Amino acid sequence: MNILNLFADKVDALNDWIGRMVAYLIIPLTLVVVLEVILRYFFSSPTIWAWDVNMYLGGLMVIFGGGYALHYDMHVSVEILLDSWNPKNRALLNMILSPFIIVPLGILVWFGAEAAWHSVKIGERYTSLWEPIIYPLRICIPLGAALFFFQAISKLIKNVNAYLVCRKD
């Protein structure tokens, strides 16, 4: 189990670092929104790029935030039920339910990579007036899903460890 625990620790550290870094994207996103509002409503001169930049920045925060959120248990759960369960049963339930997140994320990585490759091949662009390239964001989708996938594997490893420790007691 040592190599699995090492893997889980590395995944946790990576998702923690990436989550903290992409959190700073809220600053340029906010600045772009403020600039767009000022230009649009005070100078009647909206930009053609603000919406696209905000889609990029917001998309990156969502794409790379999933693994971070899973690492820190920020996703929705029914705590009113789970709080009354002992740690062994909670770990067992999490182990049973883990394929329901791992399998879809694996599928998202696979099909996301195919879509990203297609986007790169055709030089896909947004259908906006500015028409920026979209494939860098498309490439980030399978990368973020892979980070989320590996974080789910890390959680599974930790739940197996917790279950085994509780079972011994």
Protein backbone atom coordinates (compact mmCIF):
# COMPACT_ATOMS: atom_id res chain seq x y z
CA MET A 1 0.00 0.00 0.00
CA ASN A 2 2.97 2.36 0.43
CA ILE A 3 3.26 3.11 -3.29
CA LEU A 4 -0.49 3.77 -3.49
CA ASN A 5 -0.30 6.11 -0.50
CA LEU A 6 2.63 7.91 -2.11
CA PHE A 7 0.61 8.22 -5.34
CA ALA A 8 -2.38 9.59 -3.38
CA ASP A 9 -0.18 12.11 -1.57
CA LYS A 10 1.39 13.33 -4.84
CA VAL A 11 -2.04 13.69 -6.48
CA ASP A 12 -3.32 15.59 -3.45
CA ALA A 13 -0.34 17.94 -3.54
CA LEU A 14 -0.68 18.52 -7.30
CA ASN A 15 -4.41 19.25 -7.13
CA ASP A 16 -3.88 21.49 -4.12
CA TRP A 17 -1.22 23.51 -5.96
CA ILE A 18 -3.19 23.74 -9.22
CA GLY A 19 -6.37 24.71 -7.36
CA ARG A 20 -4.56 27.48 -5.53
CA MET A 21 -3.01 28.77 -8.76
CA VAL A 22 -6.22 28.84 -10.82
CA ALA A 23 -8.01 30.60 -7.97
CA TYR A 24 -5.99 33.69 -8.89
CA LEU A 25 -7.72 33.75 -12.28
CA ILE A 26 -10.64 35.40 -10.50
CA ILE A 27 -8.58 38.62 -10.40
CA PRO A 28 -8.18 39.11 -14.18
CA LEU A 29 -11.73 37.81 -14.70
CA THR A 30 -13.06 40.49 -12.35
CA LEU A 31 -10.90 43.18 -13.94
CA VAL A 32 -12.16 42.28 -17.42
CA VAL A 33 -15.78 42.42 -16.23
CA VAL A 34 -15.25 45.79 -14.53
CA LEU A 35 -13.49 47.17 -17.61
CA GLU A 36 -16.28 45.93 -19.88
CA VAL A 37 -18.97 47.47 -17.68
CA ILE A 38 -17.16 50.82 -17.54
CA LEU A 39 -16.52 50.89 -21.30
CA ARG A 40 -20.03 49.75 -22.17
CA TYR A 41 -22.12 51.89 -19.83
CA PHE A 42 -20.01 55.01 -19.34
CA PHE A 43 -18.38 55.34 -22.76
CA SER A 44 -20.84 53.39 -24.96
CA SER A 45 -17.87 51.49 -26.34
CA PRO A 46 -18.08 47.78 -25.51
CA THR A 47 -15.20 45.47 -26.33
CA ILE A 48 -15.44 42.54 -28.71
CA TRP A 49 -13.16 40.37 -26.60
CA ALA A 50 -14.37 40.60 -22.97
CA TRP A 51 -16.97 37.84 -23.20
CA ASP A 52 -14.48 35.42 -24.79
CA VAL A 53 -11.75 36.19 -22.25
CA ASN A 54 -14.23 35.66 -19.41
CA MET A 55 -15.30 32.34 -20.93
CA TYR A 56 -11.65 31.27 -21.05
CA LEU A 57 -10.85 32.36 -17.50
CA GLY A 58 -14.06 31.03 -15.96
CA GLY A 59 -13.73 27.81 -17.92
CA LEU A 60 -10.19 27.28 -16.68
CA MET A 61 -11.28 27.82 -13.07
CA VAL A 62 -14.05 25.24 -13.41
CA ILE A 63 -11.98 22.74 -15.41
CA PHE A 64 -9.05 22.74 -13.00
CA GLY A 65 -11.08 23.28 -9.83
CA GLY A 66 -12.78 19.87 -9.77
CA GLY A 67 -9.83 17.92 -8.41
CA TYR A 68 -9.15 20.62 -5.81
CA ALA A 69 -12.79 20.59 -4.70
CA LEU A 70 -12.79 16.80 -4.40
CA HIS A 71 -9.54 16.87 -2.42
CA TYR A 72 -11.11 19.19 0.14
CA ASP A 73 -14.57 17.51 0.13
CA MET A 74 -16.23 20.62 -1.27
CA HIS A 75 -18.75 18.76 -3.40
CA VAL A 76 -22.35 18.30 -2.30
CA SER A 77 -23.03 15.50 0.17
CA VAL A 78 -25.88 14.55 2.47
CA GLU A 79 -24.10 15.29 5.72
CA ILE A 80 -27.20 14.93 7.86
CA LEU A 81 -27.09 11.20 7.07
CA LEU A 82 -23.34 10.68 6.92
CA ASP A 83 -22.53 12.44 10.20
CA SER A 84 -24.34 9.74 12.14
CA TRP A 85 -22.41 6.91 10.42
CA ASN A 86 -19.26 5.47 11.87
CA PRO A 87 -16.02 5.98 9.88
CA LYS A 88 -15.94 2.35 8.71
CA ASN A 89 -19.40 2.51 7.11
CA ARG A 90 -18.70 5.95 5.65
CA ALA A 91 -15.49 4.65 4.04
CA LEU A 92 -17.35 1.58 2.74
CA LEU A 93 -20.09 3.74 1.19
CA ASN A 94 -17.49 5.99 -0.43
CA MET A 95 -15.71 2.92 -1.84
CA ILE A 96 -18.97 1.56 -3.26
CA LEU A 97 -19.88 4.92 -4.82
CA SER A 98 -16.42 5.75 -6.18
CA PRO A 99 -16.97 4.02 -9.57
CA PHE A 100 -19.84 6.46 -10.16
CA ILE A 101 -17.29 9.27 -10.36
CA ILE A 102 -14.23 7.40 -11.64
CA VAL A 103 -15.89 5.83 -14.70
CA PRO A 104 -17.54 9.04 -16.01
CA LEU A 105 -14.31 10.96 -15.49
CA GLY A 106 -12.38 8.31 -17.41
CA ILE A 107 -14.90 8.63 -20.24
CA LEU A 108 -14.57 12.43 -20.13
CA VAL A 109 -10.78 12.17 -20.35
CA TRP A 110 -11.03 9.84 -23.36
CA PHE A 111 -13.65 11.73 -25.34
CA GLY A 112 -12.30 15.10 -24.21
CA ALA A 113 -8.90 14.17 -25.62
CA GLU A 114 -10.49 13.14 -28.92
CA ALA A 115 -12.44 16.42 -29.10
CA ALA A 116 -9.32 18.42 -28.21
CA TRP A 117 -7.31 16.69 -30.92
CA HIS A 118 -10.05 17.38 -33.47
CA SER A 119 -10.19 21.01 -32.35
CA VAL A 120 -6.42 21.37 -32.82
CA LYS A 121 -6.56 19.74 -36.27
CA ILE A 122 -9.23 22.10 -37.57
CA GLY A 123 -7.92 25.20 -35.75
CA GLU A 124 -11.27 25.66 -34.03
CA ARG A 125 -12.30 29.18 -33.05
CA TYR A 126 -15.09 30.71 -31.00
CA THR A 127 -18.05 31.84 -33.06
CA SER A 128 -17.87 35.38 -31.75
CA LEU A 129 -16.93 38.62 -33.45
CA TRP A 130 -13.39 38.39 -32.06
CA GLU A 131 -13.02 34.69 -33.02
CA PRO A 132 -10.18 33.64 -30.69
CA ILE A 133 -8.83 30.11 -30.93
CA ILE A 134 -10.65 27.67 -28.68
CA TYR A 135 -8.42 24.61 -28.83
CA PRO A 136 -6.21 25.60 -25.86
CA LEU A 137 -9.33 25.51 -23.69
CA ARG A 138 -10.42 22.24 -25.32
CA ILE A 139 -7.01 20.75 -24.48
CA CYS A 140 -7.51 21.76 -20.84
CA ILE A 141 -10.77 19.77 -20.55
CA PRO A 142 -9.17 16.29 -20.62
CA LEU A 143 -6.26 17.58 -18.52
CA GLY A 144 -8.60 18.89 -15.83
CA ALA A 145 -10.72 15.73 -16.04
CA ALA A 146 -7.55 13.65 -15.62
CA LEU A 147 -6.63 15.60 -12.48
CA PHE A 148 -10.17 15.08 -11.18
CA PHE A 149 -9.96 11.36 -12.13
CA PHE A 150 -6.68 10.87 -10.27
CA GLN A 151 -8.07 12.74 -7.27
CA ALA A 152 -11.02 10.32 -7.23
CA ILE A 153 -8.52 7.43 -7.29
CA SER A 154 -6.66 9.10 -4.41
CA LYS A 155 -9.92 9.34 -2.44
CA LEU A 156 -10.61 5.67 -3.15
CA ILE A 157 -7.16 4.71 -1.84
CA LYS A 158 -7.75 6.73 1.32
CA ASN A 159 -11.19 5.21 1.83
CA VAL A 160 -9.77 1.69 1.45
CA ASN A 161 -7.09 2.57 4.02
CA ALA A 162 -9.69 4.02 6.40
CA TYR A 163 -11.91 0.97 6.00
CA LEU A 164 -9.03 -1.44 6.65
CA VAL A 165 -7.90 0.50 9.73
CA CYS A 166 -11.46 0.60 11.12
CA ARG A 167 -11.98 -3.09 10.39
CA LYS A 168 -8.93 -4.01 12.47
CA ASP A 169 -10.32 -2.14 15.49
